[in-house]
N, C-alpha and C. Protein backbone atom coordinates (compact mmCIF):
# COMPACT_ATOMS: atom_id res chain seq x y z
N UNK A 1 -8.66 -12.63 6.73
CA UNK A 1 -7.96 -11.46 7.22
C UNK A 1 -8.02 -10.38 6.16
N UNK A 2 -8.18 -9.14 6.59
CA UNK A 2 -8.20 -8.00 5.68
C UNK A 2 -6.81 -7.43 5.51
N UNK A 3 -6.41 -7.27 4.23
CA UNK A 3 -5.14 -6.64 3.92
C UNK A 3 -5.38 -5.55 2.87
N UNK A 4 -4.40 -4.68 2.72
CA UNK A 4 -4.46 -3.60 1.74
C UNK A 4 -3.34 -3.80 0.73
N UNK A 5 -3.70 -3.66 -0.55
CA UNK A 5 -2.71 -3.73 -1.62
C UNK A 5 -2.80 -2.43 -2.41
N UNK A 6 -1.66 -1.77 -2.64
CA UNK A 6 -1.69 -0.56 -3.47
C UNK A 6 -1.83 -0.99 -4.92
N UNK A 7 -2.69 -0.29 -5.66
CA UNK A 7 -3.00 -0.73 -7.02
C UNK A 7 -3.11 0.43 -7.99
N UNK A 8 -2.85 0.12 -9.26
CA UNK A 8 -2.98 1.10 -10.33
C UNK A 8 -4.42 1.17 -10.85
N UNK A 9 -5.24 0.19 -10.51
CA UNK A 9 -6.63 0.15 -10.93
C UNK A 9 -7.53 -0.27 -9.79
N UNK A 10 -8.81 -0.47 -10.09
CA UNK A 10 -9.79 -0.71 -9.03
C UNK A 10 -10.28 -2.14 -8.92
N UNK A 11 -9.46 -3.12 -9.37
CA UNK A 11 -9.88 -4.52 -9.26
C UNK A 11 -8.69 -5.44 -9.04
N UNK A 12 -8.98 -6.71 -8.84
CA UNK A 12 -7.93 -7.69 -8.51
C UNK A 12 -6.96 -7.96 -9.65
N UNK A 13 -7.36 -7.62 -10.88
CA UNK A 13 -6.49 -7.82 -12.04
C UNK A 13 -5.60 -6.62 -12.31
N UNK A 14 -5.74 -5.57 -11.52
CA UNK A 14 -4.91 -4.37 -11.67
C UNK A 14 -3.49 -4.66 -11.23
N UNK A 15 -2.56 -3.92 -11.78
CA UNK A 15 -1.16 -4.06 -11.37
C UNK A 15 -0.97 -3.41 -10.00
N UNK A 16 -0.06 -3.98 -9.22
CA UNK A 16 0.32 -3.39 -7.95
C UNK A 16 0.99 -2.05 -8.24
N UNK A 17 0.57 -1.00 -7.53
CA UNK A 17 1.20 0.31 -7.68
C UNK A 17 2.43 0.30 -6.78
N UNK A 18 3.61 0.64 -7.31
CA UNK A 18 4.82 0.60 -6.50
C UNK A 18 4.89 1.68 -5.43
N UNK A 19 4.00 2.66 -5.50
CA UNK A 19 4.00 3.75 -4.52
C UNK A 19 2.93 3.49 -3.47
N UNK A 20 3.19 3.87 -2.23
CA UNK A 20 2.16 3.77 -1.21
C UNK A 20 1.37 5.07 -1.12
N UNK A 21 2.01 6.13 -0.71
CA UNK A 21 1.30 7.38 -0.43
C UNK A 21 0.56 7.98 -1.60
N UNK A 22 1.08 7.77 -2.80
CA UNK A 22 0.46 8.35 -4.00
C UNK A 22 -0.03 7.28 -4.98
N UNK A 23 -0.37 6.11 -4.47
CA UNK A 23 -0.91 5.06 -5.35
C UNK A 23 -2.27 5.51 -5.88
N UNK A 24 -2.72 4.88 -6.95
CA UNK A 24 -4.02 5.22 -7.53
C UNK A 24 -5.17 4.74 -6.64
N UNK A 25 -5.07 3.49 -6.19
CA UNK A 25 -6.13 2.87 -5.38
C UNK A 25 -5.54 2.05 -4.25
N UNK A 26 -6.34 1.89 -3.23
CA UNK A 26 -6.08 0.91 -2.18
C UNK A 26 -7.12 -0.18 -2.37
N UNK A 27 -6.65 -1.42 -2.56
CA UNK A 27 -7.58 -2.55 -2.64
C UNK A 27 -7.58 -3.20 -1.26
N UNK A 28 -8.72 -3.16 -0.60
CA UNK A 28 -8.87 -3.78 0.71
C UNK A 28 -9.48 -5.15 0.45
N UNK A 29 -8.69 -6.20 0.65
CA UNK A 29 -9.11 -7.54 0.27
C UNK A 29 -9.13 -8.48 1.46
N UNK A 30 -10.07 -9.40 1.43
CA UNK A 30 -10.13 -10.48 2.41
C UNK A 30 -9.30 -11.63 1.84
N UNK A 31 -8.27 -12.07 2.55
CA UNK A 31 -7.38 -13.10 2.03
C UNK A 31 -8.05 -14.46 1.89
N UNK A 32 -9.14 -14.68 2.62
CA UNK A 32 -9.82 -15.98 2.56
C UNK A 32 -10.82 -16.05 1.41
N UNK A 33 -11.57 -14.97 1.19
CA UNK A 33 -12.65 -15.01 0.20
C UNK A 33 -12.33 -14.23 -1.08
N UNK A 34 -11.29 -13.40 -1.04
CA UNK A 34 -10.93 -12.48 -2.12
C UNK A 34 -12.00 -11.42 -2.39
N UNK A 35 -12.96 -11.29 -1.47
CA UNK A 35 -13.88 -10.16 -1.58
C UNK A 35 -13.05 -8.91 -1.34
N UNK A 36 -13.38 -7.82 -2.08
CA UNK A 36 -12.54 -6.63 -1.96
C UNK A 36 -13.36 -5.35 -2.11
N UNK A 37 -12.72 -4.28 -1.65
CA UNK A 37 -13.25 -2.93 -1.81
C UNK A 37 -12.13 -2.10 -2.41
N UNK A 38 -12.43 -1.34 -3.45
CA UNK A 38 -11.45 -0.44 -4.04
C UNK A 38 -11.69 0.96 -3.51
N UNK A 39 -10.65 1.56 -2.95
CA UNK A 39 -10.75 2.90 -2.39
C UNK A 39 -9.82 3.82 -3.18
N UNK A 40 -10.39 4.79 -3.87
CA UNK A 40 -9.58 5.75 -4.60
C UNK A 40 -8.73 6.57 -3.64
N UNK A 41 -7.50 6.85 -4.02
CA UNK A 41 -6.59 7.59 -3.15
C UNK A 41 -6.67 9.09 -3.46
N UNK A 42 -7.19 9.89 -2.53
CA UNK A 42 -7.29 11.32 -2.77
C UNK A 42 -5.96 12.06 -2.65
N UNK A 43 -4.89 11.35 -2.28
CA UNK A 43 -3.59 11.98 -2.04
C UNK A 43 -2.62 11.90 -3.21
N UNK A 44 -3.09 11.48 -4.37
CA UNK A 44 -2.21 11.28 -5.53
C UNK A 44 -1.41 12.53 -5.86
N UNK A 45 -2.06 13.67 -5.88
CA UNK A 45 -1.40 14.92 -6.25
C UNK A 45 -1.03 15.79 -5.05
N UNK A 46 -1.08 15.23 -3.87
CA UNK A 46 -0.78 15.97 -2.65
C UNK A 46 0.63 16.55 -2.71
N UNK A 47 0.76 17.78 -2.23
CA UNK A 47 2.08 18.42 -2.23
C UNK A 47 2.88 18.07 -0.98
N UNK A 48 2.24 17.45 -0.02
CA UNK A 48 2.93 17.06 1.20
C UNK A 48 2.03 16.25 2.10
N UNK A 49 2.60 15.36 2.87
CA UNK A 49 1.83 14.57 3.82
C UNK A 49 1.06 13.42 3.23
N UNK A 50 1.34 13.06 1.96
CA UNK A 50 0.58 12.00 1.30
C UNK A 50 0.74 10.67 2.02
N UNK A 51 1.94 10.36 2.49
CA UNK A 51 2.17 9.08 3.16
C UNK A 51 1.36 8.96 4.44
N UNK A 52 1.38 10.00 5.24
CA UNK A 52 0.64 9.98 6.51
C UNK A 52 -0.86 9.90 6.25
N UNK A 53 -1.36 10.75 5.34
CA UNK A 53 -2.79 10.76 5.05
C UNK A 53 -3.26 9.43 4.46
N UNK A 54 -2.45 8.86 3.58
CA UNK A 54 -2.81 7.56 2.99
C UNK A 54 -2.81 6.47 4.05
N UNK A 55 -1.82 6.50 4.94
CA UNK A 55 -1.75 5.51 6.02
C UNK A 55 -2.97 5.62 6.93
N UNK A 56 -3.45 6.83 7.15
CA UNK A 56 -4.64 7.02 7.98
C UNK A 56 -5.88 6.43 7.31
N UNK A 57 -5.99 6.58 5.99
CA UNK A 57 -7.10 5.99 5.24
C UNK A 57 -7.10 4.47 5.42
N UNK A 58 -5.92 3.87 5.28
CA UNK A 58 -5.78 2.42 5.38
C UNK A 58 -6.06 1.95 6.81
N UNK A 59 -5.57 2.68 7.80
CA UNK A 59 -5.76 2.29 9.20
C UNK A 59 -7.24 2.26 9.58
N UNK A 60 -8.02 3.19 9.06
CA UNK A 60 -9.46 3.23 9.34
C UNK A 60 -10.15 1.96 8.84
N UNK A 61 -9.59 1.35 7.81
CA UNK A 61 -10.18 0.13 7.23
C UNK A 61 -9.86 -1.11 8.06
N UNK A 62 -9.07 -0.96 9.11
CA UNK A 62 -8.74 -2.03 10.04
C UNK A 62 -8.09 -3.24 9.36
N UNK A 63 -7.14 -2.95 8.47
CA UNK A 63 -6.39 -4.02 7.83
C UNK A 63 -5.26 -4.47 8.74
N UNK A 64 -4.80 -5.67 8.53
CA UNK A 64 -3.70 -6.23 9.33
C UNK A 64 -2.35 -6.06 8.64
N UNK A 65 -2.36 -5.87 7.31
CA UNK A 65 -1.12 -5.77 6.55
C UNK A 65 -1.31 -4.91 5.31
N UNK A 66 -0.20 -4.33 4.84
CA UNK A 66 -0.16 -3.57 3.59
C UNK A 66 0.87 -4.22 2.68
N UNK A 67 0.49 -4.45 1.43
CA UNK A 67 1.41 -4.92 0.39
C UNK A 67 1.60 -3.79 -0.60
N UNK A 68 2.83 -3.40 -0.85
CA UNK A 68 3.11 -2.30 -1.76
C UNK A 68 4.50 -2.47 -2.34
N UNK A 69 4.84 -1.62 -3.29
CA UNK A 69 6.19 -1.66 -3.84
C UNK A 69 7.18 -1.04 -2.86
N UNK A 70 6.87 0.18 -2.44
CA UNK A 70 7.74 0.91 -1.53
C UNK A 70 6.92 1.71 -0.54
N UNK A 71 7.53 2.05 0.59
CA UNK A 71 6.87 2.87 1.60
C UNK A 71 7.91 3.83 2.18
N UNK A 72 7.50 5.09 2.31
CA UNK A 72 8.39 6.10 2.87
C UNK A 72 8.33 6.13 4.39
N UNK A 73 9.21 6.94 5.00
CA UNK A 73 9.32 6.96 6.46
C UNK A 73 8.06 7.43 7.18
N UNK A 74 7.37 8.44 6.67
CA UNK A 74 6.18 8.93 7.35
C UNK A 74 5.04 7.92 7.31
N UNK A 75 4.83 7.33 6.14
CA UNK A 75 3.79 6.31 6.01
C UNK A 75 4.15 5.09 6.86
N UNK A 76 5.42 4.70 6.84
CA UNK A 76 5.86 3.56 7.63
C UNK A 76 5.55 3.77 9.10
N UNK A 77 5.92 4.93 9.61
CA UNK A 77 5.71 5.22 11.03
C UNK A 77 4.22 5.23 11.38
N UNK A 78 3.40 5.80 10.52
CA UNK A 78 1.96 5.88 10.77
C UNK A 78 1.33 4.49 10.74
N UNK A 79 1.70 3.69 9.75
CA UNK A 79 1.16 2.32 9.65
C UNK A 79 1.62 1.48 10.85
N UNK A 80 2.89 1.59 11.19
CA UNK A 80 3.43 0.83 12.31
C UNK A 80 2.72 1.20 13.61
N UNK A 81 2.46 2.49 13.81
CA UNK A 81 1.77 2.95 15.01
C UNK A 81 0.35 2.39 15.10
N UNK A 82 -0.24 2.11 13.94
CA UNK A 82 -1.59 1.53 13.88
C UNK A 82 -1.56 0.01 14.01
N UNK A 83 -0.36 -0.57 14.14
CA UNK A 83 -0.24 -2.02 14.29
C UNK A 83 -0.39 -2.79 13.00
N UNK A 84 -0.12 -2.12 11.87
CA UNK A 84 -0.25 -2.75 10.55
C UNK A 84 1.12 -3.21 10.07
N UNK A 85 1.22 -4.47 9.68
CA UNK A 85 2.48 -4.99 9.12
C UNK A 85 2.64 -4.46 7.71
N UNK A 86 3.89 -4.21 7.31
CA UNK A 86 4.18 -3.62 6.01
C UNK A 86 5.08 -4.56 5.23
N UNK A 87 4.66 -4.85 4.00
CA UNK A 87 5.41 -5.73 3.11
C UNK A 87 5.70 -4.96 1.83
N UNK A 88 6.97 -4.76 1.50
CA UNK A 88 7.33 -4.05 0.27
C UNK A 88 7.84 -5.05 -0.77
N UNK A 89 8.05 -4.55 -1.97
CA UNK A 89 8.53 -5.41 -3.05
C UNK A 89 7.42 -6.13 -3.78
N UNK A 90 6.17 -5.81 -3.49
CA UNK A 90 5.05 -6.45 -4.17
C UNK A 90 5.02 -6.02 -5.63
N UNK A 91 4.66 -6.95 -6.50
CA UNK A 91 4.56 -6.65 -7.93
C UNK A 91 3.56 -7.60 -8.57
N UNK A 92 3.35 -7.44 -9.87
CA UNK A 92 2.37 -8.26 -10.56
C UNK A 92 0.98 -7.69 -10.37
N UNK A 93 -0.03 -8.55 -10.44
CA UNK A 93 -1.39 -8.10 -10.22
C UNK A 93 -1.71 -8.15 -8.73
N UNK A 94 -2.78 -7.48 -8.37
CA UNK A 94 -3.22 -7.49 -6.97
C UNK A 94 -3.50 -8.93 -6.54
N UNK A 95 -4.19 -9.68 -7.38
CA UNK A 95 -4.52 -11.07 -7.04
C UNK A 95 -3.25 -11.90 -6.84
N UNK A 96 -2.25 -11.72 -7.72
CA UNK A 96 -0.99 -12.44 -7.57
C UNK A 96 -0.29 -12.06 -6.27
N UNK A 97 -0.33 -10.77 -5.92
CA UNK A 97 0.30 -10.32 -4.68
C UNK A 97 -0.38 -10.94 -3.46
N UNK A 98 -1.69 -11.05 -3.49
CA UNK A 98 -2.42 -11.68 -2.38
C UNK A 98 -2.02 -13.14 -2.26
N UNK A 99 -1.93 -13.84 -3.38
CA UNK A 99 -1.54 -15.25 -3.37
C UNK A 99 -0.12 -15.42 -2.82
N UNK A 100 0.81 -14.56 -3.24
CA UNK A 100 2.18 -14.63 -2.73
C UNK A 100 2.20 -14.36 -1.22
N UNK A 101 1.38 -13.42 -0.77
CA UNK A 101 1.29 -13.12 0.66
C UNK A 101 0.80 -14.35 1.43
N UNK A 102 -0.23 -14.98 0.91
CA UNK A 102 -0.79 -16.17 1.57
C UNK A 102 0.22 -17.31 1.64
N UNK A 103 1.11 -17.39 0.67
CA UNK A 103 2.14 -18.43 0.65
C UNK A 103 3.36 -18.06 1.49
N UNK A 104 3.35 -16.85 2.06
CA UNK A 104 4.47 -16.42 2.88
C UNK A 104 5.69 -15.98 2.09
N UNK A 105 5.48 -15.54 0.85
CA UNK A 105 6.60 -15.15 0.00
C UNK A 105 7.11 -13.73 0.25
N UNK A 106 6.41 -12.95 1.07
CA UNK A 106 6.86 -11.60 1.41
C UNK A 106 7.34 -11.57 2.85
N UNK A 107 8.33 -10.76 3.11
CA UNK A 107 8.84 -10.56 4.46
C UNK A 107 8.42 -9.18 4.94
N UNK A 108 7.92 -9.09 6.16
CA UNK A 108 7.58 -7.79 6.73
C UNK A 108 8.85 -6.97 6.86
N UNK A 109 8.75 -5.66 6.60
CA UNK A 109 9.91 -4.78 6.70
C UNK A 109 9.95 -4.11 8.06
N UNK A 110 11.14 -3.74 8.47
CA UNK A 110 11.31 -3.11 9.78
C UNK A 110 11.64 -1.63 9.66
N UNK A 111 11.56 -1.12 8.42
CA UNK A 111 11.82 0.29 8.19
C UNK A 111 11.36 0.69 6.80
N UNK A 112 11.36 1.98 6.50
CA UNK A 112 10.93 2.45 5.18
C UNK A 112 11.85 1.93 4.08
N UNK A 113 11.30 1.79 2.87
CA UNK A 113 12.10 1.29 1.75
C UNK A 113 12.59 2.42 0.85
N UNK A 114 12.09 3.63 1.05
CA UNK A 114 12.54 4.80 0.30
C UNK A 114 12.69 5.97 1.26
N UNK A 115 13.43 6.98 0.84
CA UNK A 115 13.63 8.16 1.68
C UNK A 115 12.43 9.08 1.59
N UNK A 116 12.39 10.04 2.45
CA UNK A 116 11.34 11.05 2.46
C UNK A 116 11.30 11.77 1.12
N UNK A 117 10.12 12.06 0.64
CA UNK A 117 9.86 12.81 -0.60
C UNK A 117 10.16 12.03 -1.87
N UNK A 118 10.39 10.74 -1.79
CA UNK A 118 10.74 9.95 -2.97
C UNK A 118 9.61 9.89 -3.99
N UNK A 119 8.37 9.94 -3.56
CA UNK A 119 7.25 9.83 -4.48
C UNK A 119 6.63 11.15 -4.85
N UNK A 120 7.32 12.25 -4.57
CA UNK A 120 6.77 13.57 -4.82
C UNK A 120 6.61 13.82 -6.31
N UNK A 121 5.45 14.38 -6.71
CA UNK A 121 5.30 14.77 -8.11
C UNK A 121 6.19 15.98 -8.37
N UNK A 122 6.64 16.13 -9.57
CA UNK A 122 7.47 17.30 -9.86
C UNK A 122 8.33 17.08 -11.08
N UNK A 123 9.31 17.93 -11.22
CA UNK A 123 10.17 17.90 -12.39
C UNK A 123 11.15 16.75 -12.31
N UNK A 124 11.44 16.19 -13.48
CA UNK A 124 12.45 15.14 -13.58
C UNK A 124 13.80 15.84 -13.67
N UNK A 125 14.74 15.36 -12.90
CA UNK A 125 16.07 16.01 -12.88
C UNK A 125 17.01 15.35 -13.84
């Protein structure tokens, strides 16, 4: 099965990126073979719509699930509309996250884990 893991780097040893819409990479991995494709995220510095645009990138890859740290409402709605299950709270390396997923250690979420604009770049308050 093909799943997507948000990552800080472009390989299985990279850390899981806690952000969905503005993650560094999407790792599209086969859970059976661990063959993967790293897709750079063009929405990292987006001023708006990063969640929706990132979800559209992932949906085109025909994945069945997304593993990430957090997901906002727009990305959640777009992924859900595409029939993709969403699992938040992922951490460690991409490979570790895939193994935890295969063991059933993550629970699919029924709503966003952060509010709108939570991952926006900008000034620290």
